Amino acid sequence: MFMLNNVPLNIGNAFQTADGTQYPANWLQLSTEEDRIAVGISEVPDNSVYYDDRFYWGVGIPKELNDRLEVKEDGSPLWVQIYDAETESMVDTDVQVVHKGLKSQVIAQIKQTAGSLLAPTDWKVIRAAETGATLDAETLTARAAIREASNTNEAAVAACTTVDELAALQMAWPEAGNG
């Protein structure tokens, strides 16, 4: 991070020194260390802490890992509501509102990825079901590998006991074949 008179300078922004000298937006990128020192610019380590906002609300503030049943302020269950045309009002169902945790969200993404990987060969499966045609071994093997990877990835997510573990997971998928 570059500082001028204890004020951070943003790379790509024009700036002005205390004596009124103006510098263009690209000056920091094109300048040498000697040029910056001559102007009074110092470089200091950036101690900013970053976090992955897919898993954390802020530094050290993880999102919910598991699903949570929602409740009202008084602690009673919060029910899914539907519109009742007869009474022209919203009425409770017998289904409690569930806040989906990170595990459920990641598993839903895994299922969507598997579906996307299977989609290019779905037509072959449909044709075989409708006409009795035989599916080629390459397609069967590729589809089985996708389902196996999906199951393995889902099991890895389910086994996570902390947000840090979930954030560190690396999903493995087979290489896409041709449809």
Protein backbone atom coordinates (compact mmCIF):
# COMPACT_ATOMS: atom_id res chain seq x y z
CA MET A 1 0.00 0.00 0.00
CA PHE A 2 1.32 3.45 -0.87
CA MET A 3 1.03 6.34 1.60
CA LEU A 4 1.48 10.09 1.09
CA ASN A 5 1.39 12.24 4.25
CA ASN A 6 -0.20 9.33 6.17
CA VAL A 7 -3.00 9.08 3.59
CA PRO A 8 -3.36 5.89 1.53
CA LEU A 9 -3.08 6.32 -2.24
CA ASN A 10 -5.23 4.17 -4.47
CA ILE A 11 -3.42 2.72 -7.46
CA GLY A 12 -5.13 3.93 -10.61
CA ASN A 13 -6.28 7.23 -9.09
CA ALA A 14 -4.81 10.66 -9.72
CA PHE A 15 -3.45 12.46 -6.65
CA GLN A 16 -1.98 15.78 -5.55
CA THR A 17 0.93 16.49 -3.21
CA ALA A 18 0.87 19.14 -0.48
CA ASP A 19 2.72 21.61 -2.77
CA GLY A 20 -0.10 21.34 -5.33
CA THR A 21 1.69 19.13 -7.86
CA GLN A 22 -0.81 16.87 -9.57
CA TYR A 23 0.00 13.34 -10.73
CA PRO A 24 -2.02 11.29 -13.26
CA ALA A 25 -3.88 8.09 -12.42
CA ASN A 26 -1.19 5.83 -13.89
CA TRP A 27 1.78 7.51 -12.18
CA LEU A 28 2.12 5.00 -9.32
CA GLN A 29 2.21 2.07 -11.74
CA LEU A 30 4.81 3.72 -13.98
CA SER A 31 7.00 5.28 -11.28
CA THR A 32 10.13 3.80 -9.82
CA GLU A 33 10.80 3.44 -6.11
CA GLU A 34 13.21 6.38 -6.33
CA ASP A 35 10.50 8.55 -7.98
CA ARG A 36 8.04 7.71 -5.22
CA ILE A 37 10.55 8.44 -2.44
CA ALA A 38 11.41 11.80 -4.05
CA VAL A 39 7.72 12.79 -3.96
CA GLY A 40 7.34 11.63 -0.36
CA ILE A 41 5.43 8.43 -1.03
CA SER A 42 6.21 5.46 1.16
CA GLU A 43 5.22 1.86 0.71
CA VAL A 44 3.89 0.07 3.77
CA PRO A 45 2.62 -3.47 4.18
CA ASP A 46 -1.10 -3.87 3.68
CA ASN A 47 -2.34 -5.37 6.94
CA SER A 48 -5.90 -5.65 5.74
CA VAL A 49 -7.49 -8.96 6.56
CA TYR A 50 -9.61 -10.50 3.86
CA TYR A 51 -12.36 -13.08 4.14
CA ASP A 52 -14.38 -15.19 1.73
CA ASP A 53 -17.87 -13.71 1.77
CA ARG A 54 -19.35 -16.98 0.55
CA PHE A 55 -18.61 -18.45 3.98
CA TYR A 56 -18.17 -15.49 6.36
CA TRP A 57 -20.14 -12.34 7.21
CA GLY A 58 -16.87 -10.62 8.15
CA VAL A 59 -13.43 -11.44 9.53
CA GLY A 60 -13.92 -14.26 12.03
CA ILE A 61 -17.73 -14.19 11.65
CA PRO A 62 -18.79 -17.45 9.98
CA LYS A 63 -22.19 -17.93 8.39
CA GLU A 64 -24.55 -20.71 9.65
CA LEU A 65 -23.14 -24.12 8.78
CA ASN A 66 -26.30 -26.18 9.33
CA ASP A 67 -29.97 -25.62 8.59
CA ARG A 68 -31.95 -23.86 11.30
CA LEU A 69 -35.70 -23.98 11.99
CA GLU A 70 -36.97 -20.40 12.22
CA VAL A 71 -38.93 -19.22 15.23
CA LYS A 72 -40.82 -16.06 16.14
CA GLU A 73 -39.61 -13.62 18.81
CA ASP A 74 -41.60 -15.53 21.43
CA GLY A 75 -39.85 -18.80 20.48
CA SER A 76 -42.85 -20.37 18.77
CA PRO A 77 -42.35 -21.92 15.30
CA LEU A 78 -42.50 -19.67 12.25
CA TRP A 79 -44.71 -21.44 9.72
CA VAL A 80 -44.68 -21.09 5.94
CA GLN A 81 -47.73 -19.10 4.94
CA ILE A 82 -49.98 -19.31 1.89
CA TYR A 83 -52.74 -17.07 0.63
CA ASP A 84 -56.26 -18.24 1.44
CA ALA A 85 -58.62 -16.81 -1.18
CA GLU A 86 -61.65 -17.63 0.93
CA THR A 87 -60.55 -15.45 3.86
CA GLU A 88 -58.42 -13.18 1.62
CA SER A 89 -55.55 -13.47 4.07
CA MET A 90 -52.32 -15.32 4.68
CA VAL A 91 -52.64 -18.51 6.73
CA ASP A 92 -50.08 -20.80 8.31
CA THR A 93 -49.31 -24.19 6.81
CA ASP A 94 -47.93 -27.12 8.78
CA VAL A 95 -44.43 -26.54 7.31
CA GLN A 96 -41.92 -24.68 9.45
CA VAL A 97 -39.67 -22.07 7.77
CA VAL A 98 -36.10 -23.35 7.46
CA HIS A 99 -33.05 -21.13 7.10
CA LYS A 100 -30.73 -23.08 4.80
CA GLY A 101 -27.20 -23.32 6.16
CA LEU A 102 -24.01 -23.38 4.13
CA LYS A 103 -23.97 -27.17 3.89
CA SER A 104 -27.40 -27.22 2.23
CA GLN A 105 -26.42 -24.39 -0.09
CA VAL A 106 -23.18 -26.09 -1.18
CA ILE A 107 -24.92 -29.45 -1.66
CA ALA A 108 -27.52 -27.71 -3.86
CA GLN A 109 -24.66 -26.28 -5.95
CA ILE A 110 -23.10 -29.73 -6.24
CA LYS A 111 -26.40 -31.17 -7.49
CA GLN A 112 -26.72 -28.32 -10.00
CA THR A 113 -23.16 -28.92 -11.24
CA ALA A 114 -23.82 -32.65 -11.62
CA GLY A 115 -27.01 -31.90 -13.54
CA SER A 116 -25.12 -29.54 -15.84
CA LEU A 117 -22.45 -32.17 -16.47
CA LEU A 118 -25.06 -34.86 -17.17
CA ALA A 119 -27.22 -32.65 -19.41
CA PRO A 120 -25.18 -32.99 -22.62
CA THR A 121 -25.80 -36.76 -22.67
CA ASP A 122 -29.38 -36.73 -21.36
CA TRP A 123 -30.66 -37.00 -24.94
CA LYS A 124 -28.89 -40.34 -25.31
CA VAL A 125 -30.56 -41.69 -22.16
CA ILE A 126 -33.97 -40.47 -23.33
CA ARG A 127 -33.47 -41.96 -26.80
CA ALA A 128 -32.47 -45.30 -25.26
CA ALA A 129 -35.51 -45.26 -22.96
CA GLU A 130 -37.90 -44.37 -25.77
CA THR A 131 -36.52 -46.56 -28.53
CA GLY A 132 -34.71 -49.35 -26.74
CA ALA A 133 -31.39 -48.23 -28.28
CA THR A 134 -28.28 -49.24 -26.41
CA LEU A 135 -26.24 -46.59 -24.63
CA ASP A 136 -22.54 -46.68 -25.51
CA ALA A 137 -20.13 -47.70 -22.77
CA GLU A 138 -18.30 -44.34 -22.85
CA THR A 139 -21.51 -42.44 -22.03
CA LEU A 140 -22.48 -44.88 -19.28
CA THR A 141 -18.99 -44.66 -17.74
CA ALA A 142 -18.91 -40.85 -17.93
CA ARG A 143 -22.36 -40.50 -16.37
CA ALA A 144 -21.48 -42.95 -13.59
CA ALA A 145 -18.29 -40.97 -12.85
CA ILE A 146 -20.29 -37.73 -12.59
CA ARG A 147 -22.79 -39.31 -10.19
CA GLU A 148 -19.96 -40.82 -8.13
CA ALA A 149 -18.17 -37.45 -7.94
CA SER A 150 -21.41 -35.77 -6.91
CA ASN A 151 -21.97 -38.33 -4.14
CA THR A 152 -18.35 -38.01 -2.95
CA ASN A 153 -18.52 -34.20 -2.92
CA GLU A 154 -21.85 -34.24 -1.05
CA ALA A 155 -20.45 -36.67 1.54
CA ALA A 156 -17.40 -34.43 2.03
CA VAL A 157 -19.67 -31.44 2.64
CA ALA A 158 -21.88 -33.40 5.03
CA ALA A 159 -18.79 -34.46 7.02
CA CYS A 160 -17.68 -30.87 7.65
CA THR A 161 -18.08 -29.78 11.25
CA THR A 162 -16.84 -26.19 10.87
CA VAL A 163 -17.16 -23.41 8.32
CA ASP A 164 -13.35 -23.40 7.96
CA GLU A 165 -13.45 -27.08 6.90
CA LEU A 166 -16.20 -26.35 4.39
CA ALA A 167 -14.38 -23.32 2.98
CA ALA A 168 -11.21 -25.41 2.51
CA LEU A 169 -12.97 -28.21 0.58
CA GLN A 170 -11.88 -28.75 -3.00
CA MET A 171 -14.57 -30.29 -5.18
CA ALA A 172 -13.43 -32.96 -7.62
CA TRP A 173 -15.25 -33.55 -10.91
CA PRO A 174 -14.41 -35.81 -13.86
CA GLU A 175 -13.42 -34.17 -17.11
CA ALA A 176 -16.39 -33.35 -19.29
CA GLY A 177 -16.95 -35.70 -22.18
CA ASN A 178 -18.63 -34.96 -25.47
CA GLY A 179 -22.43 -35.06 -25.63
